[in-house]
Amino acid sequence: MNEQINIRLPQKLLKDARQKAKSEGFGTVQSYIEQTVRDDIYDDYVLSPKENELIDRIMKSRDDPRMWLNEEQFRRKVAELREKKRKKNARLQK
């Protein structure tokens, strides 16, 4: 069962959160905030809609030899992207 909460955000922060939610493929800022809190609390990473879409595109083109040389390089690239995202989010929280 989900419980609803209400929060107040500065106008600029809410505007930026809406833009980030849209750019990340979330339907609402609420979904974006929920995922952000989940990512912060839990160790197991849950993919955003945009990340799922990217993986789907990669999987569809996996037979293209120019895409990725091997699975290890793919996993390394995903890890790099996750780290980059976490660092960016940390900077935004300051």
PDB file of N, CA and C in Angstrom:
ATOM      1  N   MET A   1       0.844  -1.183   0.000  1.00  0.00           N
ATOM      2  CA  MET A   1       0.000   0.000   0.000  1.00  0.00           C
ATOM      3  C   MET A   1       0.889   1.245   0.000  1.00  0.00           C
ATOM      4  N   ASN A   2       0.605   2.159  -0.866  1.00  0.00           N
ATOM      5  CA  ASN A   2       1.372   3.404  -0.951  1.00  0.00           C
ATOM      6  C   ASN A   2       0.747   4.475  -0.070  1.00  0.00           C
ATOM      7  N   GLU A   3       1.590   5.292   0.494  1.00  0.00           N
ATOM      8  CA  GLU A   3       1.134   6.415   1.305  1.00  0.00           C
ATOM      9  C   GLU A   3       1.534   7.701   0.595  1.00  0.00           C
ATOM     10  N   GLN A   4       0.661   8.657   0.594  1.00  0.00           N
ATOM     11  CA  GLN A   4       0.916   9.929  -0.074  1.00  0.00           C
ATOM     12  C   GLN A   4       1.521  10.922   0.901  1.00  0.00           C
ATOM     13  N   ILE A   5       2.512  11.688   0.405  1.00  0.00           N
ATOM     14  CA  ILE A   5       3.087  12.772   1.193  1.00  0.00           C
ATOM     15  C   ILE A   5       3.051  14.043   0.353  1.00  0.00           C
ATOM     16  N   ASN A   6       3.135  15.150   1.010  1.00  0.00           N
ATOM     17  CA  ASN A   6       3.205  16.442   0.335  1.00  0.00           C
ATOM     18  C   ASN A   6       4.519  17.114   0.723  1.00  0.00           C
ATOM     19  N   ILE A   7       5.179  17.713  -0.260  1.00  0.00           N
ATOM     20  CA  ILE A   7       6.415  18.438   0.026  1.00  0.00           C
ATOM     21  C   ILE A   7       6.352  19.805  -0.642  1.00  0.00           C
ATOM     22  N   ARG A   8       7.075  20.727  -0.086  1.00  0.00           N
ATOM     23  CA  ARG A   8       7.200  22.059  -0.670  1.00  0.00           C
ATOM     24  C   ARG A   8       8.613  22.189  -1.204  1.00  0.00           C
ATOM     25  N   LEU A   9       8.710  22.667  -2.436  1.00  0.00           N
ATOM     26  CA  LEU A   9      10.008  22.862  -3.072  1.00  0.00           C
ATOM     27  C   LEU A   9      10.125  24.297  -3.534  1.00  0.00           C
ATOM     28  N   PRO A  10      11.324  24.848  -3.483  1.00  0.00           N
ATOM     29  CA  PRO A  10      11.519  26.172  -4.073  1.00  0.00           C
ATOM     30  C   PRO A  10      11.132  26.112  -5.557  1.00  0.00           C
ATOM     31  N   GLN A  11      10.636  27.209  -6.066  1.00  0.00           N
ATOM     32  CA  GLN A  11      10.126  27.263  -7.436  1.00  0.00           C
ATOM     33  C   GLN A  11      11.170  26.797  -8.460  1.00  0.00           C
ATOM     34  N   LYS A  12      12.411  27.250  -8.323  1.00  0.00           N
ATOM     35  CA  LYS A  12      13.452  26.855  -9.273  1.00  0.00           C
ATOM     36  C   LYS A  12      13.733  25.360  -9.203  1.00  0.00           C
ATOM     37  N   LEU A  13      13.776  24.812  -7.986  1.00  0.00           N
ATOM     38  CA  LEU A  13      14.019  23.383  -7.830  1.00  0.00           C
ATOM     39  C   LEU A  13      12.901  22.559  -8.476  1.00  0.00           C
ATOM     40  N   LEU A  14      11.666  22.973  -8.285  1.00  0.00           N
ATOM     41  CA  LEU A  14      10.545  22.271  -8.898  1.00  0.00           C
ATOM     42  C   LEU A  14      10.609  22.356 -10.422  1.00  0.00           C
ATOM     43  N   LYS A  15      10.947  23.535 -10.935  1.00  0.00           N
ATOM     44  CA  LYS A  15      11.083  23.703 -12.387  1.00  0.00           C
ATOM     45  C   LYS A  15      12.171  22.786 -12.930  1.00  0.00           C
ATOM     46  N   ASP A  16      13.328  22.760 -12.245  1.00  0.00           N
ATOM     47  CA  ASP A  16      14.433  21.895 -12.673  1.00  0.00           C
ATOM     48  C   ASP A  16      14.057  20.417 -12.563  1.00  0.00           C
ATOM     49  N   ALA A  17      13.326  20.059 -11.510  1.00  0.00           N
ATOM     50  CA  ALA A  17      12.895  18.668 -11.338  1.00  0.00           C
ATOM     51  C   ALA A  17      11.939  18.261 -12.458  1.00  0.00           C
ATOM     52  N   ARG A  18      11.045  19.148 -12.843  1.00  0.00           N
ATOM     53  CA  ARG A  18      10.129  18.846 -13.953  1.00  0.00           C
ATOM     54  C   ARG A  18      10.899  18.636 -15.255  1.00  0.00           C
ATOM     55  N   GLN A  19      11.879  19.499 -15.512  1.00  0.00           N
ATOM     56  CA  GLN A  19      12.688  19.359 -16.730  1.00  0.00           C
ATOM     57  C   GLN A  19      13.482  18.062 -16.700  1.00  0.00           C
ATOM     58  N   LYS A  20      14.073  17.742 -15.562  1.00  0.00           N
ATOM     59  CA  LYS A  20      14.855  16.513 -15.427  1.00  0.00           C
ATOM     60  C   LYS A  20      13.962  15.289 -15.597  1.00  0.00           C
ATOM     61  N   ALA A  21      12.776  15.324 -14.996  1.00  0.00           N
ATOM     62  CA  ALA A  21      11.845  14.206 -15.124  1.00  0.00           C
ATOM     63  C   ALA A  21      11.493  13.967 -16.588  1.00  0.00           C
ATOM     64  N   LYS A  22      11.223  15.050 -17.296  1.00  0.00           N
ATOM     65  CA  LYS A  22      10.877  14.935 -18.713  1.00  0.00           C
ATOM     66  C   LYS A  22      12.054  14.390 -19.525  1.00  0.00           C
ATOM     67  N   SER A  23      13.251  14.916 -19.263  1.00  0.00           N
ATOM     68  CA  SER A  23      14.427  14.486 -20.036  1.00  0.00           C
ATOM     69  C   SER A  23      14.812  13.038 -19.736  1.00  0.00           C
ATOM     70  N   GLU A  24      14.464  12.550 -18.547  1.00  0.00           N
ATOM     71  CA  GLU A  24      14.782  11.172 -18.167  1.00  0.00           C
ATOM     72  C   GLU A  24      13.681  10.194 -18.577  1.00  0.00           C
ATOM     73  N   GLY A  25      12.584  10.718 -19.141  1.00  0.00           N
ATOM     74  CA  GLY A  25      11.523   9.840 -19.624  1.00  0.00           C
ATOM     75  C   GLY A  25      10.442   9.514 -18.606  1.00  0.00           C
ATOM     76  N   PHE A  26      10.392  10.240 -17.509  1.00  0.00           N
ATOM     77  CA  PHE A  26       9.343  10.009 -16.515  1.00  0.00           C
ATOM     78  C   PHE A  26       8.085  10.765 -16.921  1.00  0.00           C
ATOM     79  N   GLY A  27       6.936  10.165 -16.659  1.00  0.00           N
ATOM     80  CA  GLY A  27       5.671  10.791 -17.009  1.00  0.00           C
ATOM     81  C   GLY A  27       5.319  11.961 -16.103  1.00  0.00           C
ATOM     82  N   THR A  28       5.763  11.894 -14.865  1.00  0.00           N
ATOM     83  CA  THR A  28       5.454  12.953 -13.900  1.00  0.00           C
ATOM     84  C   THR A  28       6.669  13.239 -13.033  1.00  0.00           C
ATOM     85  N   VAL A  29       6.682  14.421 -12.438  1.00  0.00           N
ATOM     86  CA  VAL A  29       7.762  14.767 -11.514  1.00  0.00           C
ATOM     87  C   VAL A  29       7.676  13.873 -10.270  1.00  0.00           C
ATOM     88  N   GLN A  30       6.469  13.439  -9.913  1.00  0.00           N
ATOM     89  CA  GLN A  30       6.307  12.547  -8.769  1.00  0.00           C
ATOM     90  C   GLN A  30       7.031  11.224  -9.009  1.00  0.00           C
ATOM     91  N   SER A  31       6.901  10.670 -10.223  1.00  0.00           N
ATOM     92  CA  SER A  31       7.588   9.419 -10.564  1.00  0.00           C
ATOM     93  C   SER A  31       9.097   9.604 -10.507  1.00  0.00           C
ATOM     94  N   TYR A  32       9.547  10.743 -10.995  1.00  0.00           N
ATOM     95  CA  TYR A  32      10.980  11.050 -10.967  1.00  0.00           C
ATOM     96  C   TYR A  32      11.490  11.131  -9.525  1.00  0.00           C
ATOM     97  N   ILE A  33      10.772  11.839  -8.666  1.00  0.00           N
ATOM     98  CA  ILE A  33      11.186  11.980  -7.266  1.00  0.00           C
ATOM     99  C   ILE A  33      11.174  10.621  -6.574  1.00  0.00           C
ATOM    100  N   GLU A  34      10.150   9.815  -6.835  1.00  0.00           N
ATOM    101  CA  GLU A  34      10.078   8.478  -6.240  1.00  0.00           C
ATOM    102  C   GLU A  34      11.295   7.637  -6.633  1.00  0.00           C
ATOM    103  N   GLN A  35      11.642   7.665  -7.923  1.00  0.00           N
ATOM    104  CA  GLN A  35      12.801   6.898  -8.394  1.00  0.00           C
ATOM    105  C   GLN A  35      14.092   7.431  -7.792  1.00  0.00           C
ATOM    106  N   THR A  36      14.212   8.748  -7.677  1.00  0.00           N
ATOM    107  CA  THR A  36      15.409   9.360  -7.112  1.00  0.00           C
ATOM    108  C   THR A  36      15.592   8.945  -5.652  1.00  0.00           C
ATOM    109  N   VAL A  37      14.506   8.944  -4.894  1.00  0.00           N
ATOM    110  CA  VAL A  37      14.568   8.515  -3.491  1.00  0.00           C
ATOM    111  C   VAL A  37      14.926   7.027  -3.426  1.00  0.00           C
ATOM    112  N   ARG A  38      14.306   6.225  -4.281  1.00  0.00           N
ATOM    113  CA  ARG A  38      14.594   4.786  -4.312  1.00  0.00           C
ATOM    114  C   ARG A  38      16.077   4.541  -4.615  1.00  0.00           C
ATOM    115  N   ASP A  39      16.608   5.255  -5.617  1.00  0.00           N
ATOM    116  CA  ASP A  39      18.024   5.107  -5.976  1.00  0.00           C
ATOM    117  C   ASP A  39      18.933   5.482  -4.806  1.00  0.00           C
ATOM    118  N   ASP A  40      18.536   6.483  -4.050  1.00  0.00           N
ATOM    119  CA  ASP A  40      19.354   6.950  -2.934  1.00  0.00           C
ATOM    120  C   ASP A  40      19.335   5.968  -1.763  1.00  0.00           C
ATOM    121  N   ILE A  41      18.210   5.304  -1.560  1.00  0.00           N
ATOM    122  CA  ILE A  41      18.055   4.442  -0.396  1.00  0.00           C
ATOM    123  C   ILE A  41      18.540   3.013  -0.645  1.00  0.00           C
ATOM    124  N   TYR A  42      18.219   2.472  -1.792  1.00  0.00           N
ATOM    125  CA  TYR A  42      18.508   1.060  -2.059  1.00  0.00           C
ATOM    126  C   TYR A  42      19.767   0.892  -2.897  1.00  0.00           C
ATOM    127  N   ASP A  43      20.495  -0.161  -2.597  1.00  0.00           N
ATOM    128  CA  ASP A  43      21.711  -0.461  -3.343  1.00  0.00           C
ATOM    129  C   ASP A  43      21.413  -0.979  -4.737  1.00  0.00           C
ATOM    130  N   ASP A  44      20.370  -1.785  -4.873  1.00  0.00           N
ATOM    131  CA  ASP A  44      20.072  -2.343  -6.191  1.00  0.00           C
ATOM    132  C   ASP A  44      19.466  -1.262  -7.072  1.00  0.00           C
ATOM    133  N   TYR A  45      20.088  -1.043  -8.172  1.00  0.00           N
ATOM    134  CA  TYR A  45      19.749   0.054  -9.077  1.00  0.00           C
ATOM    135  C   TYR A  45      18.517  -0.297  -9.897  1.00  0.00           C
ATOM    136  N   VAL A  46      17.563   0.603  -9.957  1.00  0.00           N
ATOM    137  CA  VAL A  46      16.363   0.417 -10.770  1.00  0.00           C
ATOM    138  C   VAL A  46      16.469   1.371 -11.957  1.00  0.00           C
ATOM    139  N   LEU A  47      16.289   0.831 -13.149  1.00  0.00           N
ATOM    140  CA  LEU A  47      16.448   1.637 -14.352  1.00  0.00           C
ATOM    141  C   LEU A  47      15.285   2.592 -14.556  1.00  0.00           C
ATOM    142  N   SER A  48      15.594   3.757 -15.077  1.00  0.00           N
ATOM    143  CA  SER A  48      14.567   4.730 -15.431  1.00  0.00           C
ATOM    144  C   SER A  48      13.947   4.323 -16.762  1.00  0.00           C
ATOM    145  N   PRO A  49      12.782   4.886 -17.108  1.00  0.00           N
ATOM    146  CA  PRO A  49      12.179   4.573 -18.413  1.00  0.00           C
ATOM    147  C   PRO A  49      13.117   4.868 -19.578  1.00  0.00           C
ATOM    148  N   LYS A  50      13.868   5.956 -19.478  1.00  0.00           N
ATOM    149  CA  LYS A  50      14.787   6.306 -20.561  1.00  0.00           C
ATOM    150  C   LYS A  50      15.923   5.280 -20.669  1.00  0.00           C
ATOM    151  N   GLU A  51      16.423   4.817 -19.524  1.00  0.00           N
ATOM    152  CA  GLU A  51      17.473   3.797 -19.543  1.00  0.00           C
ATOM    153  C   GLU A  51      16.959   2.487 -20.128  1.00  0.00           C
ATOM    154  N   ASN A  52      15.719   2.119 -19.754  1.00  0.00           N
ATOM    155  CA  ASN A  52      15.115   0.908 -20.331  1.00  0.00           C
ATOM    156  C   ASN A  52      14.990   1.029 -21.843  1.00  0.00           C
ATOM    157  N   GLU A  53      14.589   2.186 -22.314  1.00  0.00           N
ATOM    158  CA  GLU A  53      14.460   2.420 -23.759  1.00  0.00           C
ATOM    159  C   GLU A  53      15.822   2.290 -24.444  1.00  0.00           C
ATOM    160  N   LEU A  54      16.854   2.841 -23.832  1.00  0.00           N
ATOM    161  CA  LEU A  54      18.200   2.756 -24.395  1.00  0.00           C
ATOM    162  C   LEU A  54      18.658   1.300 -24.475  1.00  0.00           C
ATOM    163  N   ILE A  55      18.425   0.549 -23.429  1.00  0.00           N
ATOM    164  CA  ILE A  55      18.819  -0.863 -23.432  1.00  0.00           C
ATOM    165  C   ILE A  55      18.047  -1.627 -24.504  1.00  0.00           C
ATOM    166  N   ASP A  56      16.762  -1.326 -24.659  1.00  0.00           N
ATOM    167  CA  ASP A  56      15.973  -1.973 -25.724  1.00  0.00           C
ATOM    168  C   ASP A  56      16.574  -1.692 -27.090  1.00  0.00           C
ATOM    169  N   ARG A  57      16.965  -0.436 -27.329  1.00  0.00           N
ATOM    170  CA  ARG A  57      17.568  -0.095 -28.628  1.00  0.00           C
ATOM    171  C   ARG A  57      18.892  -0.808 -28.823  1.00  0.00           C
ATOM    172  N   ILE A  58      19.669  -0.892 -27.764  1.00  0.00           N
ATOM    173  CA  ILE A  58      20.952  -1.579 -27.853  1.00  0.00           C
ATOM    174  C   ILE A  58      20.739  -3.068 -28.144  1.00  0.00           C
ATOM    175  N   MET A  59      19.796  -3.667 -27.457  1.00  0.00           N
ATOM    176  CA  MET A  59      19.548  -5.093 -27.659  1.00  0.00           C
ATOM    177  C   MET A  59      19.066  -5.374 -29.083  1.00  0.00           C
ATOM    178  N   LYS A  60      18.266  -4.472 -29.640  1.00  0.00           N
ATOM    179  CA  LYS A  60      17.783  -4.661 -31.006  1.00  0.00           C
ATOM    180  C   LYS A  60      18.914  -4.572 -32.020  1.00  0.00           C
ATOM    181  N   SER A  61      19.944  -3.805 -31.687  1.00  0.00           N
ATOM    182  CA  SER A  61      21.043  -3.642 -32.626  1.00  0.00           C
ATOM    183  C   SER A  61      22.277  -4.447 -32.210  1.00  0.00           C
ATOM    184  N   ARG A  62      22.090  -5.406 -31.327  1.00  0.00           N
ATOM    185  CA  ARG A  62      23.232  -6.150 -30.789  1.00  0.00           C
ATOM    186  C   ARG A  62      23.980  -6.957 -31.844  1.00  0.00           C
ATOM    187  N   ASP A  63      23.347  -7.241 -32.961  1.00  0.00           N
ATOM    188  CA  ASP A  63      24.022  -7.992 -34.016  1.00  0.00           C
ATOM    189  C   ASP A  63      24.938  -7.105 -34.857  1.00  0.00           C
ATOM    190  N   ASP A  64      24.854  -5.810 -34.665  1.00  0.00           N
ATOM    191  CA  ASP A  64      25.711  -4.880 -35.402  1.00  0.00           C
ATOM    192  C   ASP A  64      27.103  -4.902 -34.765  1.00  0.00           C
ATOM    193  N   PRO A  65      28.116  -5.378 -35.478  1.00  0.00           N
ATOM    194  CA  PRO A  65      29.448  -5.496 -34.876  1.00  0.00           C
ATOM    195  C   PRO A  65      30.063  -4.156 -34.480  1.00  0.00           C
ATOM    196  N   ARG A  66      29.536  -3.051 -34.989  1.00  0.00           N
ATOM    197  CA  ARG A  66      30.072  -1.738 -34.635  1.00  0.00           C
ATOM    198  C   ARG A  66      29.549  -1.242 -33.302  1.00  0.00           C
ATOM    199  N   MET A  67      28.501  -1.877 -32.762  1.00  0.00           N
ATOM    200  CA  MET A  67      27.843  -1.372 -31.557  1.00  0.00           C
ATOM    201  C   MET A  67      28.718  -1.561 -30.304  1.00  0.00           C
ATOM    202  N   TRP A  68      28.985  -2.785 -29.907  1.00  0.00           N
ATOM    203  CA  TRP A  68      29.811  -3.086 -28.738  1.00  0.00           C
ATOM    204  C   TRP A  68      30.717  -4.252 -29.105  1.00  0.00           C
ATOM    205  N   LEU A  69      31.927  -4.197 -28.623  1.00  0.00           N
ATOM    206  CA  LEU A  69      32.840  -5.286 -28.938  1.00  0.00           C
ATOM    207  C   LEU A  69      32.520  -6.539 -28.133  1.00  0.00           C
ATOM    208  N   ASN A  70      32.140  -6.376 -26.870  1.00  0.00           N
ATOM    209  CA  ASN A  70      31.778  -7.530 -26.062  1.00  0.00           C
ATOM    210  C   ASN A  70      30.937  -7.099 -24.858  1.00  0.00           C
ATOM    211  N   GLU A  71      30.441  -8.096 -24.116  1.00  0.00           N
ATOM    212  CA  GLU A  71      29.567  -7.819 -22.982  1.00  0.00           C
ATOM    213  C   GLU A  71      30.289  -7.045 -21.883  1.00  0.00           C
ATOM    214  N   GLU A  72      31.555  -7.334 -21.673  1.00  0.00           N
ATOM    215  CA  GLU A  72      32.323  -6.635 -20.632  1.00  0.00           C
ATOM    216  C   GLU A  72      32.389  -5.135 -20.910  1.00  0.00           C
ATOM    217  N   GLN A  73      32.616  -4.770 -22.179  1.00  0.00           N
ATOM    218  CA  GLN A  73      32.670  -3.354 -22.526  1.00  0.00           C
ATOM    219  C   GLN A  73      31.297  -2.701 -22.339  1.00  0.00           C
ATOM    220  N   PHE A  74      30.238  -3.436 -22.654  1.00  0.00           N
ATOM    221  CA  PHE A  74      28.887  -2.923 -22.456  1.00  0.00           C
ATOM    222  C   PHE A  74      28.645  -2.642 -20.976  1.00  0.00           C
ATOM    223  N   ARG A  75      28.962  -3.607 -20.132  1.00  0.00           N
ATOM    224  CA  ARG A  75      28.754  -3.435 -18.693  1.00  0.00           C
ATOM    225  C   ARG A  75      29.596  -2.278 -18.144  1.00  0.00           C
ATOM    226  N   ARG A  76      30.808  -2.138 -18.642  1.00  0.00           N
ATOM    227  CA  ARG A  76      31.679  -1.037 -18.221  1.00  0.00           C
ATOM    228  C   ARG A  76      31.064   0.312 -18.601  1.00  0.00           C
ATOM    229  N   LYS A  77      30.521   0.386 -19.810  1.00  0.00           N
ATOM    230  CA  LYS A  77      29.898   1.634 -20.281  1.00  0.00           C
ATOM    231  C   LYS A  77      28.678   1.974 -19.432  1.00  0.00           C
ATOM    232  N   VAL A  78      27.852   0.980 -19.126  1.00  0.00           N
ATOM    233  CA  VAL A  78      26.678   1.216 -18.275  1.00  0.00           C
ATOM    234  C   VAL A  78      27.125   1.701 -16.899  1.00  0.00           C
ATOM    235  N   ALA A  79      28.156   1.084 -16.340  1.00  0.00           N
ATOM    236  CA  ALA A  79      28.670   1.510 -15.031  1.00  0.00           C
ATOM    237  C   ALA A  79      29.182   2.950 -15.086  1.00  0.00           C
ATOM    238  N   GLU A  80      29.863   3.302 -16.172  1.00  0.00           N
ATOM    239  CA  GLU A  80      30.359   4.674 -16.331  1.00  0.00           C
ATOM    240  C   GLU A  80      29.198   5.664 -16.385  1.00  0.00           C
ATOM    241  N   LEU A  81      28.156   5.307 -17.124  1.00  0.00           N
ATOM    242  CA  LEU A  81      26.999   6.190 -17.239  1.00  0.00           C
ATOM    243  C   LEU A  81      26.292   6.353 -15.896  1.00  0.00           C
ATOM    244  N   ARG A  82      26.177   5.261 -15.141  1.00  0.00           N
ATOM    245  CA  ARG A  82      25.548   5.338 -13.821  1.00  0.00           C
ATOM    246  C   ARG A  82      26.352   6.243 -12.894  1.00  0.00           C
ATOM    247  N   GLU A  83      27.675   6.073 -12.904  1.00  0.00           N
ATOM    248  CA  GLU A  83      28.530   6.894 -12.044  1.00  0.00           C
ATOM    249  C   GLU A  83      28.429   8.366 -12.432  1.00  0.00           C
ATOM    250  N   LYS A  84      28.423   8.628 -13.722  1.00  0.00           N
ATOM    251  CA  LYS A  84      28.293  10.003 -14.205  1.00  0.00           C
ATOM    252  C   LYS A  84      26.967  10.608 -13.733  1.00  0.00           C
ATOM    253  N   LYS A  85      25.900   9.813 -13.805  1.00  0.00           N
ATOM    254  CA  LYS A  85      24.585  10.280 -13.374  1.00  0.00           C
ATOM    255  C   LYS A  85      24.586  10.553 -11.871  1.00  0.00           C
ATOM    256  N   ARG A  86      25.183   9.660 -11.080  1.00  0.00           N
ATOM    257  CA  ARG A  86      25.219   9.849  -9.630  1.00  0.00           C
ATOM    258  C   ARG A  86      26.007  11.113  -9.259  1.00  0.00           C
ATOM    259  N   LYS A  87      27.141  11.340  -9.934  1.00  0.00           N
ATOM    260  CA  LYS A  87      27.941  12.533  -9.657  1.00  0.00           C
ATOM    261  C   LYS A  87      27.172  13.797 -10.015  1.00  0.00           C
ATOM    262  N   LYS A  88      26.478  13.761 -11.136  1.00  0.00           N
ATOM    263  CA  LYS A  88      25.695  14.926 -11.550  1.00  0.00           C
ATOM    264  C   LYS A  88      24.593  15.201 -10.538  1.00  0.00           C
ATOM    265  N   ASN A  89      23.908  14.140 -10.094  1.00  0.00           N
ATOM    266  CA  ASN A  89      22.851  14.310  -9.106  1.00  0.00           C
ATOM    267  C   ASN A  89      23.406  14.848  -7.792  1.00  0.00           C
ATOM    268  N   ALA A  90      24.608  14.392  -7.410  1.00  0.00           N
ATOM    269  CA  ALA A  90      25.223  14.878  -6.183  1.00  0.00           C
ATOM    270  C   ALA A  90      25.530  16.365  -6.288  1.00  0.00           C
ATOM    271  N   ARG A  91      26.012  16.799  -7.470  1.00  0.00           N
ATOM    272  CA  ARG A  91      26.283  18.233  -7.668  1.00  0.00           C
ATOM    273  C   ARG A  91      25.002  19.051  -7.607  1.00  0.00           C
ATOM    274  N   LEU A  92      23.912  18.512  -8.155  1.00  0.00           N
ATOM    275  CA  LEU A  92      22.649  19.232  -8.156  1.00  0.00           C
ATOM    276  C   LEU A  92      22.068  19.377  -6.766  1.00  0.00           C
ATOM    277  N   GLN A  93      22.389  18.432  -5.876  1.00  0.00           N
ATOM    278  CA  GLN A  93      21.853  18.461  -4.512  1.00  0.00           C
ATOM    279  C   GLN A  93      22.557  19.486  -3.638  1.00  0.00           C
ATOM    280  N   LYS A  94      23.723  19.965  -4.059  1.00  0.00           N
ATOM    281  CA  LYS A  94      24.481  20.926  -3.245  1.00  0.00           C
ATOM    282  C   LYS A  94      23.880  22.297  -3.296  1.00  0.00           C
TER     283      LYS A  94
END
